[in-house]
Amino acid sequence: MKRYFSCGLLLLILLVIALLAGRYGTNLQDMLAALCFHGDAGIQAIVWNIRIPRILLVLAGGGALAVSGLIYQTIFKNPLASGDVIGASSGCSLGAALAIVLFHDEPWITMLLAFGCGLL
């Protein structure tokens, strides 16, 4: 229980730092006012249009990576299984290299072939 509390507290601290940090730094009072839709309209726009979506995407990406690692380890019943150990990273690299050599003008083909070879 103590571990979950400390991880949650660390996540909350990092969220506040992520809201405050950036090219246009704000103080805690201005950030809290912007979260409540008060104060400077420019700070509100930065917080709601840039920083909040960035934080949500980072959380979603980290969660997706954690779940995919859990699925790898569960399927192969190996606590050390990861994309590079079982060959998925090598397959993606092969597909990307083939697409770059064969279809150098189409970046979407590179992504598609890398994904397909990674699945194989």
PDB file of N, CA and C in Angstrom:
ATOM      1  N   MET A   1       0.826  -1.199   0.000  1.00  0.00           N
ATOM      2  CA  MET A   1       0.000   0.000   0.000  1.00  0.00           C
ATOM      3  C   MET A   1       0.869   1.261   0.000  1.00  0.00           C
ATOM      4  N   LYS A   2       1.969   1.185   0.759  1.00  0.00           N
ATOM      5  CA  LYS A   2       2.856   2.340   0.836  1.00  0.00           C
ATOM      6  C   LYS A   2       3.498   2.626  -0.520  1.00  0.00           C
ATOM      7  N   ARG A   3       3.791   1.559  -1.281  1.00  0.00           N
ATOM      8  CA  ARG A   3       4.385   1.721  -2.601  1.00  0.00           C
ATOM      9  C   ARG A   3       3.424   2.441  -3.550  1.00  0.00           C
ATOM     10  N   TYR A   4       2.155   2.071  -3.525  1.00  0.00           N
ATOM     11  CA  TYR A   4       1.172   2.713  -4.391  1.00  0.00           C
ATOM     12  C   TYR A   4       0.979   4.177  -4.032  1.00  0.00           C
ATOM     13  N   PHE A   5       0.988   4.472  -2.740  1.00  0.00           N
ATOM     14  CA  PHE A   5       0.851   5.856  -2.307  1.00  0.00           C
ATOM     15  C   PHE A   5       2.037   6.692  -2.777  1.00  0.00           C
ATOM     16  N   SER A   6       3.242   6.156  -2.624  1.00  0.00           N
ATOM     17  CA  SER A   6       4.428   6.908  -3.037  1.00  0.00           C
ATOM     18  C   SER A   6       4.471   7.070  -4.560  1.00  0.00           C
ATOM     19  N   CYS A   7       4.048   6.059  -5.314  1.00  0.00           N
ATOM     20  CA  CYS A   7       4.003   6.184  -6.781  1.00  0.00           C
ATOM     21  C   CYS A   7       2.953   7.203  -7.207  1.00  0.00           C
ATOM     22  N   GLY A   8       1.802   7.209  -6.548  1.00  0.00           N
ATOM     23  CA  GLY A   8       0.766   8.186  -6.846  1.00  0.00           C
ATOM     24  C   GLY A   8       1.205   9.596  -6.511  1.00  0.00           C
ATOM     25  N   LEU A   9       1.896   9.759  -5.390  1.00  0.00           N
ATOM     26  CA  LEU A   9       2.413  11.067  -5.017  1.00  0.00           C
ATOM     27  C   LEU A   9       3.463  11.548  -6.011  1.00  0.00           C
ATOM     28  N   LEU A  10       4.347  10.642  -6.446  1.00  0.00           N
ATOM     29  CA  LEU A  10       5.354  10.991  -7.444  1.00  0.00           C
ATOM     30  C   LEU A  10       4.686  11.392  -8.764  1.00  0.00           C
ATOM     31  N   LEU A  11       3.650  10.669  -9.173  1.00  0.00           N
ATOM     32  CA  LEU A  11       2.918  11.015 -10.388  1.00  0.00           C
ATOM     33  C   LEU A  11       2.272  12.395 -10.271  1.00  0.00           C
ATOM     34  N   LEU A  12       1.693  12.701  -9.129  1.00  0.00           N
ATOM     35  CA  LEU A  12       1.074  14.008  -8.916  1.00  0.00           C
ATOM     36  C   LEU A  12       2.114  15.124  -8.971  1.00  0.00           C
ATOM     37  N   ILE A  13       3.273  14.921  -8.371  1.00  0.00           N
ATOM     38  CA  ILE A  13       4.342  15.919  -8.407  1.00  0.00           C
ATOM     39  C   ILE A  13       4.819  16.132  -9.833  1.00  0.00           C
ATOM     40  N   LEU A  14       4.983  15.048 -10.582  1.00  0.00           N
ATOM     41  CA  LEU A  14       5.430  15.170 -11.969  1.00  0.00           C
ATOM     42  C   LEU A  14       4.381  15.844 -12.853  1.00  0.00           C
ATOM     43  N   LEU A  15       3.106  15.618 -12.566  1.00  0.00           N
ATOM     44  CA  LEU A  15       2.048  16.297 -13.308  1.00  0.00           C
ATOM     45  C   LEU A  15       2.088  17.807 -13.076  1.00  0.00           C
ATOM     46  N   VAL A  16       2.305  18.208 -11.844  1.00  0.00           N
ATOM     47  CA  VAL A  16       2.391  19.637 -11.538  1.00  0.00           C
ATOM     48  C   VAL A  16       3.618  20.242 -12.214  1.00  0.00           C
ATOM     49  N   ILE A  17       4.742  19.530 -12.181  1.00  0.00           N
ATOM     50  CA  ILE A  17       5.951  20.028 -12.848  1.00  0.00           C
ATOM     51  C   ILE A  17       5.716  20.140 -14.347  1.00  0.00           C
ATOM     52  N   ALA A  18       5.035  19.165 -14.935  1.00  0.00           N
ATOM     53  CA  ALA A  18       4.762  19.205 -16.374  1.00  0.00           C
ATOM     54  C   ALA A  18       3.829  20.362 -16.731  1.00  0.00           C
ATOM     55  N   LEU A  19       2.916  20.694 -15.839  1.00  0.00           N
ATOM     56  CA  LEU A  19       2.041  21.844 -16.093  1.00  0.00           C
ATOM     57  C   LEU A  19       2.795  23.164 -15.980  1.00  0.00           C
ATOM     58  N   LEU A  20       3.778  23.219 -15.112  1.00  0.00           N
ATOM     59  CA  LEU A  20       4.519  24.458 -14.894  1.00  0.00           C
ATOM     60  C   LEU A  20       5.672  24.642 -15.876  1.00  0.00           C
ATOM     61  N   ALA A  21       6.243  23.560 -16.362  1.00  0.00           N
ATOM     62  CA  ALA A  21       7.432  23.640 -17.199  1.00  0.00           C
ATOM     63  C   ALA A  21       7.050  23.851 -18.655  1.00  0.00           C
ATOM     64  N   GLY A  22       7.878  24.569 -19.353  1.00  0.00           N
ATOM     65  CA  GLY A  22       7.662  24.809 -20.766  1.00  0.00           C
ATOM     66  C   GLY A  22       8.335  26.090 -21.194  1.00  0.00           C
ATOM     67  N   ARG A  23       8.182  26.409 -22.433  1.00  0.00           N
ATOM     68  CA  ARG A  23       8.808  27.617 -22.958  1.00  0.00           C
ATOM     69  C   ARG A  23       8.280  28.867 -22.259  1.00  0.00           C
ATOM     70  N   TYR A  24       6.996  28.889 -22.008  1.00  0.00           N
ATOM     71  CA  TYR A  24       6.379  30.009 -21.304  1.00  0.00           C
ATOM     72  C   TYR A  24       6.044  29.545 -19.897  1.00  0.00           C
ATOM     73  N   GLY A  25       7.002  29.690 -19.003  1.00  0.00           N
ATOM     74  CA  GLY A  25       6.815  29.231 -17.638  1.00  0.00           C
ATOM     75  C   GLY A  25       5.747  30.030 -16.909  1.00  0.00           C
ATOM     76  N   THR A  26       5.063  29.375 -16.024  1.00  0.00           N
ATOM     77  CA  THR A  26       4.033  30.017 -15.212  1.00  0.00           C
ATOM     78  C   THR A  26       4.312  29.700 -13.758  1.00  0.00           C
ATOM     79  N   ASN A  27       3.727  30.470 -12.886  1.00  0.00           N
ATOM     80  CA  ASN A  27       3.829  30.127 -11.476  1.00  0.00           C
ATOM     81  C   ASN A  27       2.613  29.292 -11.084  1.00  0.00           C
ATOM     82  N   LEU A  28       2.659  28.760  -9.891  1.00  0.00           N
ATOM     83  CA  LEU A  28       1.609  27.842  -9.454  1.00  0.00           C
ATOM     84  C   LEU A  28       0.247  28.533  -9.367  1.00  0.00           C
ATOM     85  N   GLN A  29       0.224  29.770  -8.939  1.00  0.00           N
ATOM     86  CA  GLN A  29      -1.039  30.496  -8.804  1.00  0.00           C
ATOM     87  C   GLN A  29      -1.689  30.740 -10.168  1.00  0.00           C
ATOM     88  N   ASP A  30      -0.903  31.149 -11.164  1.00  0.00           N
ATOM     89  CA  ASP A  30      -1.452  31.372 -12.501  1.00  0.00           C
ATOM     90  C   ASP A  30      -1.926  30.066 -13.137  1.00  0.00           C
ATOM     91  N   MET A  31      -1.188  28.983 -12.885  1.00  0.00           N
ATOM     92  CA  MET A  31      -1.573  27.689 -13.439  1.00  0.00           C
ATOM     93  C   MET A  31      -2.883  27.197 -12.828  1.00  0.00           C
ATOM     94  N   LEU A  32      -3.037  27.359 -11.526  1.00  0.00           N
ATOM     95  CA  LEU A  32      -4.286  26.952 -10.880  1.00  0.00           C
ATOM     96  C   LEU A  32      -5.456  27.805 -11.358  1.00  0.00           C
ATOM     97  N   ALA A  33      -5.219  29.093 -11.571  1.00  0.00           N
ATOM     98  CA  ALA A  33      -6.275  29.961 -12.098  1.00  0.00           C
ATOM     99  C   ALA A  33      -6.655  29.536 -13.514  1.00  0.00           C
ATOM    100  N   ALA A  34      -5.665  29.182 -14.323  1.00  0.00           N
ATOM    101  CA  ALA A  34      -5.947  28.739 -15.693  1.00  0.00           C
ATOM    102  C   ALA A  34      -6.712  27.423 -15.699  1.00  0.00           C
ATOM    103  N   LEU A  35      -6.417  26.536 -14.753  1.00  0.00           N
ATOM    104  CA  LEU A  35      -7.154  25.270 -14.669  1.00  0.00           C
ATOM    105  C   LEU A  35      -8.617  25.494 -14.304  1.00  0.00           C
ATOM    106  N   CYS A  36      -8.898  26.584 -13.597  1.00  0.00           N
ATOM    107  CA  CYS A  36     -10.276  26.924 -13.221  1.00  0.00           C
ATOM    108  C   CYS A  36     -10.915  27.908 -14.196  1.00  0.00           C
ATOM    109  N   PHE A  37     -10.272  28.109 -15.361  1.00  0.00           N
ATOM    110  CA  PHE A  37     -10.764  29.015 -16.404  1.00  0.00           C
ATOM    111  C   PHE A  37     -10.852  30.462 -15.923  1.00  0.00           C
ATOM    112  N   HIS A  38      -9.894  30.887 -15.107  1.00  0.00           N
ATOM    113  CA  HIS A  38      -9.793  32.275 -14.665  1.00  0.00           C
ATOM    114  C   HIS A  38      -8.409  32.783 -15.035  1.00  0.00           C
ATOM    115  N   GLY A  39      -8.229  34.082 -14.976  1.00  0.00           N
ATOM    116  CA  GLY A  39      -6.913  34.646 -15.199  1.00  0.00           C
ATOM    117  C   GLY A  39      -6.645  34.946 -16.662  1.00  0.00           C
ATOM    118  N   ASP A  40      -5.367  34.978 -16.994  1.00  0.00           N
ATOM    119  CA  ASP A  40      -4.908  35.364 -18.327  1.00  0.00           C
ATOM    120  C   ASP A  40      -5.354  34.348 -19.380  1.00  0.00           C
ATOM    121  N   ALA A  41      -5.898  34.853 -20.477  1.00  0.00           N
ATOM    122  CA  ALA A  41      -6.386  33.974 -21.549  1.00  0.00           C
ATOM    123  C   ALA A  41      -5.230  33.255 -22.249  1.00  0.00           C
ATOM    124  N   GLY A  42      -4.072  33.901 -22.339  1.00  0.00           N
ATOM    125  CA  GLY A  42      -2.917  33.268 -22.967  1.00  0.00           C
ATOM    126  C   GLY A  42      -2.431  32.060 -22.178  1.00  0.00           C
ATOM    127  N   ILE A  43      -2.390  32.188 -20.859  1.00  0.00           N
ATOM    128  CA  ILE A  43      -1.974  31.064 -20.010  1.00  0.00           C
ATOM    129  C   ILE A  43      -3.014  29.960 -20.068  1.00  0.00           C
ATOM    130  N   GLN A  44      -4.285  30.322 -20.117  1.00  0.00           N
ATOM    131  CA  GLN A  44      -5.337  29.313 -20.251  1.00  0.00           C
ATOM    132  C   GLN A  44      -5.171  28.525 -21.549  1.00  0.00           C
ATOM    133  N   ALA A  45      -4.881  29.230 -22.627  1.00  0.00           N
ATOM    134  CA  ALA A  45      -4.703  28.564 -23.916  1.00  0.00           C
ATOM    135  C   ALA A  45      -3.507  27.620 -23.880  1.00  0.00           C
ATOM    136  N   ILE A  46      -2.417  28.051 -23.263  1.00  0.00           N
ATOM    137  CA  ILE A  46      -1.226  27.199 -23.181  1.00  0.00           C
ATOM    138  C   ILE A  46      -1.522  25.959 -22.349  1.00  0.00           C
ATOM    139  N   VAL A  47      -2.173  26.163 -21.203  1.00  0.00           N
ATOM    140  CA  VAL A  47      -2.446  25.023 -20.312  1.00  0.00           C
ATOM    141  C   VAL A  47      -3.426  24.055 -20.958  1.00  0.00           C
ATOM    142  N   TRP A  48      -4.548  24.548 -21.479  1.00  0.00           N
ATOM    143  CA  TRP A  48      -5.596  23.658 -21.976  1.00  0.00           C
ATOM    144  C   TRP A  48      -5.343  23.138 -23.394  1.00  0.00           C
ATOM    145  N   ASN A  49      -4.614  23.869 -24.221  1.00  0.00           N
ATOM    146  CA  ASN A  49      -4.407  23.430 -25.604  1.00  0.00           C
ATOM    147  C   ASN A  49      -3.073  22.744 -25.835  1.00  0.00           C
ATOM    148  N   ILE A  50      -2.105  22.949 -24.950  1.00  0.00           N
ATOM    149  CA  ILE A  50      -0.791  22.346 -25.164  1.00  0.00           C
ATOM    150  C   ILE A  50      -0.422  21.396 -24.040  1.00  0.00           C
ATOM    151  N   ARG A  51      -0.431  21.888 -22.807  1.00  0.00           N
ATOM    152  CA  ARG A  51       0.133  21.097 -21.710  1.00  0.00           C
ATOM    153  C   ARG A  51      -0.762  19.950 -21.255  1.00  0.00           C
ATOM    154  N   ILE A  52      -2.053  20.171 -21.124  1.00  0.00           N
ATOM    155  CA  ILE A  52      -2.952  19.087 -20.711  1.00  0.00           C
ATOM    156  C   ILE A  52      -2.992  17.973 -21.764  1.00  0.00           C
ATOM    157  N   PRO A  53      -3.157  18.268 -23.068  1.00  0.00           N
ATOM    158  CA  PRO A  53      -3.118  17.177 -24.050  1.00  0.00           C
ATOM    159  C   PRO A  53      -1.784  16.441 -24.074  1.00  0.00           C
ATOM    160  N   ARG A  54      -0.678  17.167 -23.895  1.00  0.00           N
ATOM    161  CA  ARG A  54       0.634  16.529 -23.865  1.00  0.00           C
ATOM    162  C   ARG A  54       0.731  15.568 -22.686  1.00  0.00           C
ATOM    163  N   ILE A  55       0.258  15.981 -21.529  1.00  0.00           N
ATOM    164  CA  ILE A  55       0.304  15.124 -20.343  1.00  0.00           C
ATOM    165  C   ILE A  55      -0.571  13.892 -20.534  1.00  0.00           C
ATOM    166  N   LEU A  56      -1.766  14.073 -21.085  1.00  0.00           N
ATOM    167  CA  LEU A  56      -2.661  12.933 -21.304  1.00  0.00           C
ATOM    168  C   LEU A  56      -2.090  11.949 -22.313  1.00  0.00           C
ATOM    169  N   LEU A  57      -1.456  12.450 -23.375  1.00  0.00           N
ATOM    170  CA  LEU A  57      -0.847  11.555 -24.362  1.00  0.00           C
ATOM    171  C   LEU A  57       0.345  10.799 -23.788  1.00  0.00           C
ATOM    172  N   VAL A  58       1.130  11.457 -22.943  1.00  0.00           N
ATOM    173  CA  VAL A  58       2.257  10.774 -22.305  1.00  0.00           C
ATOM    174  C   VAL A  58       1.750   9.681 -21.375  1.00  0.00           C
ATOM    175  N   LEU A  59       0.705   9.973 -20.614  1.00  0.00           N
ATOM    176  CA  LEU A  59       0.128   8.948 -19.738  1.00  0.00           C
ATOM    177  C   LEU A  59      -0.435   7.776 -20.542  1.00  0.00           C
ATOM    178  N   ALA A  60      -1.125   8.066 -21.634  1.00  0.00           N
ATOM    179  CA  ALA A  60      -1.687   6.996 -22.468  1.00  0.00           C
ATOM    180  C   ALA A  60      -0.574   6.174 -23.124  1.00  0.00           C
ATOM    181  N   GLY A  61       0.462   6.843 -23.607  1.00  0.00           N
ATOM    182  CA  GLY A  61       1.577   6.119 -24.229  1.00  0.00           C
ATOM    183  C   GLY A  61       2.317   5.246 -23.234  1.00  0.00           C
ATOM    184  N   GLY A  62       2.571   5.770 -22.047  1.00  0.00           N
ATOM    185  CA  GLY A  62       3.232   4.975 -21.017  1.00  0.00           C
ATOM    186  C   GLY A  62       2.388   3.788 -20.586  1.00  0.00           C
ATOM    187  N   GLY A  63       1.085   4.014 -20.448  1.00  0.00           N
ATOM    188  CA  GLY A  63       0.197   2.907 -20.101  1.00  0.00           C
ATOM    189  C   GLY A  63       0.158   1.843 -21.184  1.00  0.00           C
ATOM    190  N   ALA A  64       0.140   2.272 -22.452  1.00  0.00           N
ATOM    191  CA  ALA A  64       0.132   1.306 -23.561  1.00  0.00           C
ATOM    192  C   ALA A  64       1.417   0.497 -23.587  1.00  0.00           C
ATOM    193  N   LEU A  65       2.554   1.134 -23.343  1.00  0.00           N
ATOM    194  CA  LEU A  65       3.814   0.399 -23.295  1.00  0.00           C
ATOM    195  C   LEU A  65       3.836  -0.598 -22.133  1.00  0.00           C
ATOM    196  N   ALA A  66       3.291  -0.201 -20.994  1.00  0.00           N
ATOM    197  CA  ALA A  66       3.246  -1.104 -19.851  1.00  0.00           C
ATOM    198  C   ALA A  66       2.353  -2.309 -20.141  1.00  0.00           C
ATOM    199  N   VAL A  67       1.204  -2.063 -20.748  1.00  0.00           N
ATOM    200  CA  VAL A  67       0.288  -3.161 -21.063  1.00  0.00           C
ATOM    201  C   VAL A  67       0.894  -4.090 -22.123  1.00  0.00           C
ATOM    202  N   SER A  68       1.544  -3.515 -23.131  1.00  0.00           N
ATOM    203  CA  SER A  68       2.149  -4.372 -24.159  1.00  0.00           C
ATOM    204  C   SER A  68       3.274  -5.219 -23.574  1.00  0.00           C
ATOM    205  N   GLY A  69       4.058  -4.664 -22.654  1.00  0.00           N
ATOM    206  CA  GLY A  69       5.083  -5.460 -21.991  1.00  0.00           C
ATOM    207  C   GLY A  69       4.478  -6.572 -21.152  1.00  0.00           C
ATOM    208  N   LEU A  70       3.386  -6.271 -20.467  1.00  0.00           N
ATOM    209  CA  LEU A  70       2.696  -7.290 -19.685  1.00  0.00           C
ATOM    210  C   LEU A  70       2.158  -8.397 -20.579  1.00  0.00           C
ATOM    211  N   ILE A  71       1.621  -8.035 -21.730  1.00  0.00           N
ATOM    212  CA  ILE A  71       1.088  -9.039 -22.654  1.00  0.00           C
ATOM    213  C   ILE A  71       2.205  -9.924 -23.194  1.00  0.00           C
ATOM    214  N   TYR A  72       3.339  -9.312 -23.582  1.00  0.00           N
ATOM    215  CA  TYR A  72       4.495 -10.108 -24.025  1.00  0.00           C
ATOM    216  C   TYR A  72       4.908 -11.107 -22.952  1.00  0.00           C
ATOM    217  N   GLN A  73       5.036 -10.641 -21.736  1.00  0.00           N
ATOM    218  CA  GLN A  73       5.497 -11.516 -20.663  1.00  0.00           C
ATOM    219  C   GLN A  73       4.473 -12.587 -20.320  1.00  0.00           C
ATOM    220  N   THR A  74       3.198 -12.283 -20.459  1.00  0.00           N
ATOM    221  CA  THR A  74       2.159 -13.264 -20.161  1.00  0.00           C
ATOM    222  C   THR A  74       2.061 -14.312 -21.256  1.00  0.00           C
ATOM    223  N   ILE A  75       2.094 -13.889 -22.513  1.00  0.00           N
ATOM    224  CA  ILE A  75       1.973 -14.835 -23.621  1.00  0.00           C
ATOM    225  C   ILE A  75       3.133 -15.822 -23.632  1.00  0.00           C
ATOM    226  N   PHE A  76       4.339 -15.329 -23.457  1.00  0.00           N
ATOM    227  CA  PHE A  76       5.512 -16.195 -23.527  1.00  0.00           C
ATOM    228  C   PHE A  76       5.901 -16.792 -22.187  1.00  0.00           C
ATOM    229  N   LYS A  77       5.161 -16.469 -21.136  1.00  0.00           N
ATOM    230  CA  LYS A  77       5.423 -16.977 -19.784  1.00  0.00           C
ATOM    231  C   LYS A  77       6.893 -16.799 -19.412  1.00  0.00           C
ATOM    232  N   ASN A  78       7.407 -15.612 -19.738  1.00  0.00           N
ATOM    233  CA  ASN A  78       8.806 -15.287 -19.492  1.00  0.00           C
ATOM    234  C   ASN A  78       8.859 -13.864 -18.948  1.00  0.00           C
ATOM    235  N   PRO A  79       9.309 -13.691 -17.706  1.00  0.00           N
ATOM    236  CA  PRO A  79       9.339 -12.341 -17.140  1.00  0.00           C
ATOM    237  C   PRO A  79      10.368 -11.417 -17.802  1.00  0.00           C
ATOM    238  N   LEU A  80      11.253 -11.964 -18.632  1.00  0.00           N
ATOM    239  CA  LEU A  80      12.254 -11.154 -19.312  1.00  0.00           C
ATOM    240  C   LEU A  80      11.904 -10.887 -20.768  1.00  0.00           C
ATOM    241  N   ALA A  81      10.731 -11.323 -21.215  1.00  0.00           N
ATOM    242  CA  ALA A  81      10.357 -11.150 -22.618  1.00  0.00           C
ATOM    243  C   ALA A  81      10.123  -9.678 -22.933  1.00  0.00           C
ATOM    244  N   SER A  82      10.662  -9.251 -24.060  1.00  0.00           N
ATOM    245  CA  SER A  82      10.430  -7.904 -24.563  1.00  0.00           C
ATOM    246  C   SER A  82      10.545  -7.952 -26.075  1.00  0.00           C
ATOM    247  N   GLY A  83      10.267  -6.843 -26.725  1.00  0.00           N
ATOM    248  CA  GLY A  83      10.262  -6.813 -28.183  1.00  0.00           C
ATOM    249  C   GLY A  83      11.601  -7.156 -28.802  1.00  0.00           C
ATOM    250  N   ASP A  84      12.692  -6.750 -28.167  1.00  0.00           N
ATOM    251  CA  ASP A  84      13.999  -7.057 -28.753  1.00  0.00           C
ATOM    252  C   ASP A  84      14.439  -8.480 -28.462  1.00  0.00           C
ATOM    253  N   VAL A  85      13.988  -9.071 -27.367  1.00  0.00           N
ATOM    254  CA  VAL A  85      14.387 -10.441 -27.025  1.00  0.00           C
ATOM    255  C   VAL A  85      13.711 -11.457 -27.946  1.00  0.00           C
ATOM    256  N   ILE A  86      12.439 -11.242 -28.284  1.00  0.00           N
ATOM    257  CA  ILE A  86      11.726 -12.234 -29.088  1.00  0.00           C
ATOM    258  C   ILE A  86      11.774 -11.948 -30.584  1.00  0.00           C
ATOM    259  N   GLY A  87      12.418 -10.868 -30.991  1.00  0.00           N
ATOM    260  CA  GLY A  87      12.652 -10.631 -32.409  1.00  0.00           C
ATOM    261  C   GLY A  87      11.735  -9.644 -33.094  1.00  0.00           C
ATOM    262  N   ALA A  88      10.796  -9.057 -32.387  1.00  0.00           N
ATOM    263  CA  ALA A  88       9.888  -8.102 -33.031  1.00  0.00           C
ATOM    264  C   ALA A  88      10.637  -6.845 -33.487  1.00  0.00           C
ATOM    265  N   SER A  89      11.591  -6.401 -32.711  1.00  0.00           N
ATOM    266  CA  SER A  89      12.357  -5.209 -33.093  1.00  0.00           C
ATOM    267  C   SER A  89      13.197  -5.469 -34.335  1.00  0.00           C
ATOM    268  N   SER A  90      13.753  -6.661 -34.427  1.00  0.00           N
ATOM    269  CA  SER A  90      14.538  -7.008 -35.611  1.00  0.00           C
ATOM    270  C   SER A  90      13.658  -7.095 -36.847  1.00  0.00           C
ATOM    271  N   GLY A  91      12.458  -7.637 -36.694  1.00  0.00           N
ATOM    272  CA  GLY A  91      11.527  -7.695 -37.814  1.00  0.00           C
ATOM    273  C   GLY A  91      11.119  -6.313 -38.287  1.00  0.00           C
ATOM    274  N   CYS A  92      10.870  -5.419 -37.349  1.00  0.00           N
ATOM    275  CA  CYS A  92      10.527  -4.035 -37.715  1.00  0.00           C
ATOM    276  C   CYS A  92      11.687  -3.366 -38.446  1.00  0.00           C
ATOM    277  N   SER A  93      12.886  -3.608 -37.970  1.00  0.00           N
ATOM    278  CA  SER A  93      14.059  -3.013 -38.620  1.00  0.00           C
ATOM    279  C   SER A  93      14.229  -3.539 -40.035  1.00  0.00           C
ATOM    280  N   LEU A  94      14.018  -4.834 -40.223  1.00  0.00           N
ATOM    281  CA  LEU A  94      14.123  -5.422 -41.557  1.00  0.00           C
ATOM    282  C   LEU A  94      13.070  -4.830 -42.497  1.00  0.00           C
ATOM    283  N   GLY A  95      11.832  -4.733 -42.024  1.00  0.00           N
ATOM    284  CA  GLY A  95      10.770  -4.167 -42.852  1.00  0.00           C
ATOM    285  C   GLY A  95      11.034  -2.716 -43.215  1.00  0.00           C
ATOM    286  N   ALA A  96      11.523  -1.939 -42.259  1.00  0.00           N
ATOM    287  CA  ALA A  96      11.825  -0.533 -42.537  1.00  0.00           C
ATOM    288  C   ALA A  96      12.972  -0.411 -43.528  1.00  0.00           C
ATOM    289  N   ALA A  97      13.997  -1.237 -43.372  1.00  0.00           N
ATOM    290  CA  ALA A  97      15.135  -1.179 -44.292  1.00  0.00           C
ATOM    291  C   ALA A  97      14.715  -1.564 -45.708  1.00  0.00           C
ATOM    292  N   LEU A  98      13.901  -2.602 -45.844  1.00  0.00           N
ATOM    293  CA  LEU A  98      13.409  -2.996 -47.167  1.00  0.00           C
ATOM    294  C   LEU A  98      12.573  -1.888 -47.800  1.00  0.00           C
ATOM    295  N   ALA A  99      11.711  -1.273 -47.014  1.00  0.00           N
ATOM    296  CA  ALA A  99      10.857  -0.215 -47.551  1.00  0.00           C
ATOM    297  C   ALA A  99      11.679   1.003 -47.959  1.00  0.00           C
ATOM    298  N   ILE A 100      12.711   1.315 -47.197  1.00  0.00           N
ATOM    299  CA  ILE A 100      13.549   2.465 -47.544  1.00  0.00           C
ATOM    300  C   ILE A 100      14.300   2.205 -48.843  1.00  0.00           C
ATOM    301  N   VAL A 101      14.785   0.977 -49.007  1.00  0.00           N
ATOM    302  CA  VAL A 101      15.528   0.655 -50.228  1.00  0.00           C
ATOM    303  C   VAL A 101      14.593   0.582 -51.436  1.00  0.00           C
ATOM    304  N   LEU A 102      13.435  -0.039 -51.269  1.00  0.00           N
ATOM    305  CA  LEU A 102      12.543  -0.267 -52.403  1.00  0.00           C
ATOM    306  C   LEU A 102      11.608   0.913 -52.693  1.00  0.00           C
ATOM    307  N   PHE A 103      11.098   1.558 -51.647  1.00  0.00           N
ATOM    308  CA  PHE A 103      10.106   2.635 -51.815  1.00  0.00           C
ATOM    309  C   PHE A 103      10.576   3.874 -51.071  1.00  0.00           C
ATOM    310  N   HIS A 104      11.679   4.457 -51.443  1.00  0.00           N
ATOM    311  CA  HIS A 104      12.284   5.536 -50.668  1.00  0.00           C
ATOM    312  C   HIS A 104      11.467   6.823 -50.668  1.00  0.00           C
ATOM    313  N   ASP A 105      10.502   6.973 -51.564  1.00  0.00           N
ATOM    314  CA  ASP A 105       9.729   8.211 -51.618  1.00  0.00           C
ATOM    315  C   ASP A 105       8.434   8.162 -50.806  1.00  0.00           C
ATOM    316  N   GLU A 106       8.081   7.017 -50.255  1.00  0.00           N
ATOM    317  CA  GLU A 106       6.797   6.862 -49.562  1.00  0.00           C
ATOM    318  C   GLU A 106       7.012   6.500 -48.092  1.00  0.00           C
ATOM    319  N   PRO A 107       6.939   7.464 -47.173  1.00  0.00           N
ATOM    320  CA  PRO A 107       7.163   7.155 -45.757  1.00  0.00           C
ATOM    321  C   PRO A 107       6.065   6.280 -45.151  1.00  0.00           C
ATOM    322  N   TRP A 108       4.841   6.358 -45.655  1.00  0.00           N
ATOM    323  CA  TRP A 108       3.778   5.535 -45.082  1.00  0.00           C
ATOM    324  C   TRP A 108       3.993   4.063 -45.405  1.00  0.00           C
ATOM    325  N   ILE A 109       4.626   3.765 -46.546  1.00  0.00           N
ATOM    326  CA  ILE A 109       4.941   2.372 -46.866  1.00  0.00           C
ATOM    327  C   ILE A 109       6.010   1.851 -45.913  1.00  0.00           C
ATOM    328  N   THR A 110       6.954   2.715 -45.548  1.00  0.00           N
ATOM    329  CA  THR A 110       7.995   2.311 -44.598  1.00  0.00           C
ATOM    330  C   THR A 110       7.367   1.922 -43.268  1.00  0.00           C
ATOM    331  N   MET A 111       6.429   2.720 -42.782  1.00  0.00           N
ATOM    332  CA  MET A 111       5.776   2.406 -41.510  1.00  0.00           C
ATOM    333  C   MET A 111       4.945   1.128 -41.616  1.00  0.00           C
ATOM    334  N   LEU A 112       4.231   0.987 -42.704  1.00  0.00           N
ATOM    335  CA  LEU A 112       3.377  -0.182 -42.889  1.00  0.00           C
ATOM    336  C   LEU A 112       4.195  -1.464 -42.994  1.00  0.00           C
ATOM    337  N   LEU A 113       5.272  -1.444 -43.774  1.00  0.00           N
ATOM    338  CA  LEU A 113       6.106  -2.628 -43.930  1.00  0.00           C
ATOM    339  C   LEU A 113       6.853  -2.959 -42.635  1.00  0.00           C
ATOM    340  N   ALA A 114       7.284  -1.944 -41.911  1.00  0.00           N
ATOM    341  CA  ALA A 114       7.939  -2.186 -40.619  1.00  0.00           C
ATOM    342  C   ALA A 114       6.958  -2.841 -39.647  1.00  0.00           C
ATOM    343  N   PHE A 115       5.724  -2.361 -39.603  1.00  0.00           N
ATOM    344  CA  PHE A 115       4.722  -2.938 -38.732  1.00  0.00           C
ATOM    345  C   PHE A 115       4.416  -4.383 -39.133  1.00  0.00           C
ATOM    346  N   GLY A 116       4.254  -4.619 -40.436  1.00  0.00           N
ATOM    347  CA  GLY A 116       3.944  -5.976 -40.893  1.00  0.00           C
ATOM    348  C   GLY A 116       5.069  -6.960 -40.610  1.00  0.00           C
ATOM    349  N   CYS A 117       6.304  -6.567 -40.854  1.00  0.00           N
ATOM    350  CA  CYS A 117       7.423  -7.473 -40.571  1.00  0.00           C
ATOM    351  C   CYS A 117       7.608  -7.681 -39.066  1.00  0.00           C
ATOM    352  N   GLY A 118       7.266  -6.673 -38.289  1.00  0.00           N
ATOM    353  CA  GLY A 118       7.315  -6.849 -36.836  1.00  0.00           C
ATOM    354  C   GLY A 118       6.289  -7.865 -36.358  1.00  0.00           C
ATOM    355  N   LEU A 119       5.118  -7.875 -36.985  1.00  0.00           N
ATOM    356  CA  LEU A 119       4.103  -8.869 -36.620  1.00  0.00           C
ATOM    357  C   LEU A 119       4.527 -10.270 -37.030  1.00  0.00           C
ATOM    358  N   LEU A 120       5.183 -10.367 -38.187  1.00  0.00           N
ATOM    359  CA  LEU A 120       5.660 -11.686 -38.626  1.00  0.00           C
ATOM    360  C   LEU A 120       6.723 -12.200 -37.696  1.00  0.00           C
TER     361      LEU A 120
END
